[in-house]
């Protein structure tokens, strides 16, 4: 007797996965690996999700790469003290993006401008 083929539902919804990625980014302040795992998950899920989740994944990917740019520029410049304000700006910028994105995903709202360099 053949069992009808059913489409499997995902274990975790896209919205909860997006929340998880924001939490991985928070853990990324203390360890580097969680943020790297978060951006990989965002890249993997980017193509097969609803538009709301897609905006969050794009926002998370840009948050990772722009944040990496701030760190690559800011850390060496700490030797001449100009890097300290750059890293302070990165910290404020990234916290605002993570909190804003997390709140919007919990409300099931998209990021208005996921390709923004500021706060979306």
C-alpha atoms as a PDB file:
ATOM      1  CA  UNK A   1       0.000   0.000   0.000  1.00  0.00           C
ATOM      2  CA  UNK A   2       1.489   3.291  -1.103  1.00  0.00           C
ATOM      3  CA  UNK A   3       1.432   6.305   1.157  1.00  0.00           C
ATOM      4  CA  UNK A   4       0.479   9.548  -0.607  1.00  0.00           C
ATOM      5  CA  UNK A   5       3.381  11.907  -1.051  1.00  0.00           C
ATOM      6  CA  UNK A   6       3.057  14.858   1.299  1.00  0.00           C
ATOM      7  CA  UNK A   7       5.192  17.933   1.269  1.00  0.00           C
ATOM      8  CA  UNK A   8       7.150  18.125   4.464  1.00  0.00           C
ATOM      9  CA  UNK A   9       6.729  21.154   6.612  1.00  0.00           C
ATOM     10  CA  UNK A  10       9.923  22.771   7.841  1.00  0.00           C
ATOM     11  CA  UNK A  11      10.920  22.115  11.434  1.00  0.00           C
ATOM     12  CA  UNK A  12      11.385  25.841  12.068  1.00  0.00           C
ATOM     13  CA  UNK A  13       9.447  28.612  10.342  1.00  0.00           C
ATOM     14  CA  UNK A  14      11.308  31.293   8.404  1.00  0.00           C
ATOM     15  CA  UNK A  15      10.284  33.921  10.941  1.00  0.00           C
ATOM     16  CA  UNK A  16      11.709  31.974  13.871  1.00  0.00           C
ATOM     17  CA  UNK A  17      14.847  31.234  11.875  1.00  0.00           C
ATOM     18  CA  UNK A  18      15.273  34.969  11.250  1.00  0.00           C
ATOM     19  CA  UNK A  19      14.918  35.573  15.007  1.00  0.00           C
ATOM     20  CA  UNK A  20      17.540  32.898  15.579  1.00  0.00           C
ATOM     21  CA  UNK A  21      19.926  34.622  13.184  1.00  0.00           C
ATOM     22  CA  UNK A  22      19.516  37.906  15.050  1.00  0.00           C
ATOM     23  CA  UNK A  23      20.325  36.022  18.268  1.00  0.00           C
ATOM     24  CA  UNK A  24      23.390  34.483  16.609  1.00  0.00           C
ATOM     25  CA  UNK A  25      24.499  38.010  15.716  1.00  0.00           C
ATOM     26  CA  UNK A  26      24.170  39.011  19.378  1.00  0.00           C
ATOM     27  CA  UNK A  27      26.329  36.010  20.331  1.00  0.00           C
ATOM     28  CA  UNK A  28      28.739  37.208  17.638  1.00  0.00           C
ATOM     29  CA  UNK A  29      29.741  40.101  19.909  1.00  0.00           C
ATOM     30  CA  UNK A  30      31.409  37.573  22.202  1.00  0.00           C
ATOM     31  CA  UNK A  31      32.431  34.860  19.735  1.00  0.00           C
ATOM     32  CA  UNK A  32      32.969  35.200  15.982  1.00  0.00           C
ATOM     33  CA  UNK A  33      31.620  31.819  14.879  1.00  0.00           C
ATOM     34  CA  UNK A  34      27.893  32.406  15.682  1.00  0.00           C
ATOM     35  CA  UNK A  35      27.735  35.462  13.422  1.00  0.00           C
ATOM     36  CA  UNK A  36      29.394  33.479  10.650  1.00  0.00           C
ATOM     37  CA  UNK A  37      26.865  30.669  11.105  1.00  0.00           C
ATOM     38  CA  UNK A  38      24.058  33.248  11.021  1.00  0.00           C
ATOM     39  CA  UNK A  39      25.127  34.746   7.710  1.00  0.00           C
ATOM     40  CA  UNK A  40      25.512  31.286   6.168  1.00  0.00           C
ATOM     41  CA  UNK A  41      21.963  30.376   7.241  1.00  0.00           C
ATOM     42  CA  UNK A  42      20.673  33.683   5.816  1.00  0.00           C
ATOM     43  CA  UNK A  43      22.349  32.972   2.473  1.00  0.00           C
ATOM     44  CA  UNK A  44      20.946  29.435   2.347  1.00  0.00           C
ATOM     45  CA  UNK A  45      17.375  30.516   3.134  1.00  0.00           C
ATOM     46  CA  UNK A  46      17.357  33.672   0.976  1.00  0.00           C
ATOM     47  CA  UNK A  47      15.978  32.100  -2.200  1.00  0.00           C
ATOM     48  CA  UNK A  48      13.129  29.967  -0.828  1.00  0.00           C
ATOM     49  CA  UNK A  49      11.147  32.125   1.568  1.00  0.00           C
ATOM     50  CA  UNK A  50       8.309  34.614   1.709  1.00  0.00           C
ATOM     51  CA  UNK A  51       8.931  38.333   0.976  1.00  0.00           C
ATOM     52  CA  UNK A  52       8.907  39.350   4.655  1.00  0.00           C
ATOM     53  CA  UNK A  53      11.558  36.801   5.557  1.00  0.00           C
ATOM     54  CA  UNK A  54      13.541  37.661   2.422  1.00  0.00           C
ATOM     55  CA  UNK A  55      13.785  41.294   3.545  1.00  0.00           C
ATOM     56  CA  UNK A  56      15.124  40.155   6.928  1.00  0.00           C
ATOM     57  CA  UNK A  57      17.643  37.764   5.387  1.00  0.00           C
ATOM     58  CA  UNK A  58      18.908  40.503   3.042  1.00  0.00           C
ATOM     59  CA  UNK A  59      19.132  42.880   6.014  1.00  0.00           C
ATOM     60  CA  UNK A  60      21.041  40.298   8.051  1.00  0.00           C
ATOM     61  CA  UNK A  61      23.469  39.572   5.228  1.00  0.00           C
ATOM     62  CA  UNK A  62      24.199  43.282   4.779  1.00  0.00           C
ATOM     63  CA  UNK A  63      24.533  43.738   8.537  1.00  0.00           C
ATOM     64  CA  UNK A  64      27.204  41.032   8.597  1.00  0.00           C
ATOM     65  CA  UNK A  65      29.248  42.332   5.641  1.00  0.00           C
ATOM     66  CA  UNK A  66      29.039  46.026   6.538  1.00  0.00           C
ATOM     67  CA  UNK A  67      29.883  45.189  10.152  1.00  0.00           C
ATOM     68  CA  UNK A  68      32.869  43.163   8.976  1.00  0.00           C
ATOM     69  CA  UNK A  69      34.000  46.159   6.920  1.00  0.00           C
ATOM     70  CA  UNK A  70      33.765  48.443   9.981  1.00  0.00           C
ATOM     71  CA  UNK A  71      35.840  45.974  11.993  1.00  0.00           C
ATOM     72  CA  UNK A  72      38.468  45.467   9.278  1.00  0.00           C
ATOM     73  CA  UNK A  73      38.900  49.235   9.026  1.00  0.00           C
ATOM     74  CA  UNK A  74      38.499  50.055  12.719  1.00  0.00           C
ATOM     75  CA  UNK A  75      40.725  47.459  14.367  1.00  0.00           C
ATOM     76  CA  UNK A  76      44.002  48.402  12.652  1.00  0.00           C
ATOM     77  CA  UNK A  77      43.209  52.092  13.062  1.00  0.00           C
ATOM     78  CA  UNK A  78      43.008  51.619  16.833  1.00  0.00           C
ATOM     79  CA  UNK A  79      46.789  51.919  16.781  1.00  0.00           C
ATOM     80  CA  UNK A  80      46.385  55.599  15.901  1.00  0.00           C
ATOM     81  CA  UNK A  81      43.238  56.003  18.054  1.00  0.00           C
ATOM     82  CA  UNK A  82      40.891  56.848  15.147  1.00  0.00           C
ATOM     83  CA  UNK A  83      39.679  53.259  15.163  1.00  0.00           C
ATOM     84  CA  UNK A  84      38.070  53.618  18.594  1.00  0.00           C
ATOM     85  CA  UNK A  85      35.264  55.926  17.379  1.00  0.00           C
ATOM     86  CA  UNK A  86      34.829  53.748  14.286  1.00  0.00           C
ATOM     87  CA  UNK A  87      34.352  50.654  16.451  1.00  0.00           C
ATOM     88  CA  UNK A  88      32.071  52.585  18.835  1.00  0.00           C
ATOM     89  CA  UNK A  89      29.925  53.584  15.842  1.00  0.00           C
ATOM     90  CA  UNK A  90      29.903  49.962  14.647  1.00  0.00           C
ATOM     91  CA  UNK A  91      28.673  48.806  18.061  1.00  0.00           C
ATOM     92  CA  UNK A  92      25.799  51.333  18.165  1.00  0.00           C
ATOM     93  CA  UNK A  93      24.951  50.739  14.499  1.00  0.00           C
ATOM     94  CA  UNK A  94      24.857  46.977  14.813  1.00  0.00           C
ATOM     95  CA  UNK A  95      22.847  46.968  18.057  1.00  0.00           C
ATOM     96  CA  UNK A  96      20.234  49.251  16.489  1.00  0.00           C
ATOM     97  CA  UNK A  97      20.013  47.051  13.372  1.00  0.00           C
ATOM     98  CA  UNK A  98      19.721  43.837  15.396  1.00  0.00           C
ATOM     99  CA  UNK A  99      17.091  45.212  17.787  1.00  0.00           C
ATOM    100  CA  UNK A 100      15.086  46.855  15.000  1.00  0.00           C
ATOM    101  CA  UNK A 101      15.203  43.734  12.832  1.00  0.00           C
ATOM    102  CA  UNK A 102      14.321  41.467  15.748  1.00  0.00           C
ATOM    103  CA  UNK A 103      11.319  43.562  16.720  1.00  0.00           C
ATOM    104  CA  UNK A 104      10.057  43.769  13.142  1.00  0.00           C
ATOM    105  CA  UNK A 105      10.384  40.034  12.533  1.00  0.00           C
ATOM    106  CA  UNK A 106       8.457  39.311  15.737  1.00  0.00           C
ATOM    107  CA  UNK A 107       5.679  41.594  14.446  1.00  0.00           C
ATOM    108  CA  UNK A 108       5.827  39.838  11.054  1.00  0.00           C
ATOM    109  CA  UNK A 109       6.738  43.099   9.305  1.00  0.00           C
ATOM    110  CA  UNK A 110       9.393  43.442   6.592  1.00  0.00           C
ATOM    111  CA  UNK A 111      12.459  45.653   6.698  1.00  0.00           C
ATOM    112  CA  UNK A 112      11.510  48.728   4.672  1.00  0.00           C
ATOM    113  CA  UNK A 113      14.932  49.152   3.045  1.00  0.00           C
ATOM    114  CA  UNK A 114      16.996  45.977   3.575  1.00  0.00           C
ATOM    115  CA  UNK A 115      19.841  47.276   1.384  1.00  0.00           C
ATOM    116  CA  UNK A 116      20.372  50.360   3.546  1.00  0.00           C
ATOM    117  CA  UNK A 117      23.787  51.190   4.953  1.00  0.00           C
ATOM    118  CA  UNK A 118      22.167  52.764   8.008  1.00  0.00           C
ATOM    119  CA  UNK A 119      19.224  51.323   9.910  1.00  0.00           C
ATOM    120  CA  UNK A 120      16.914  49.985   7.202  1.00  0.00           C
END
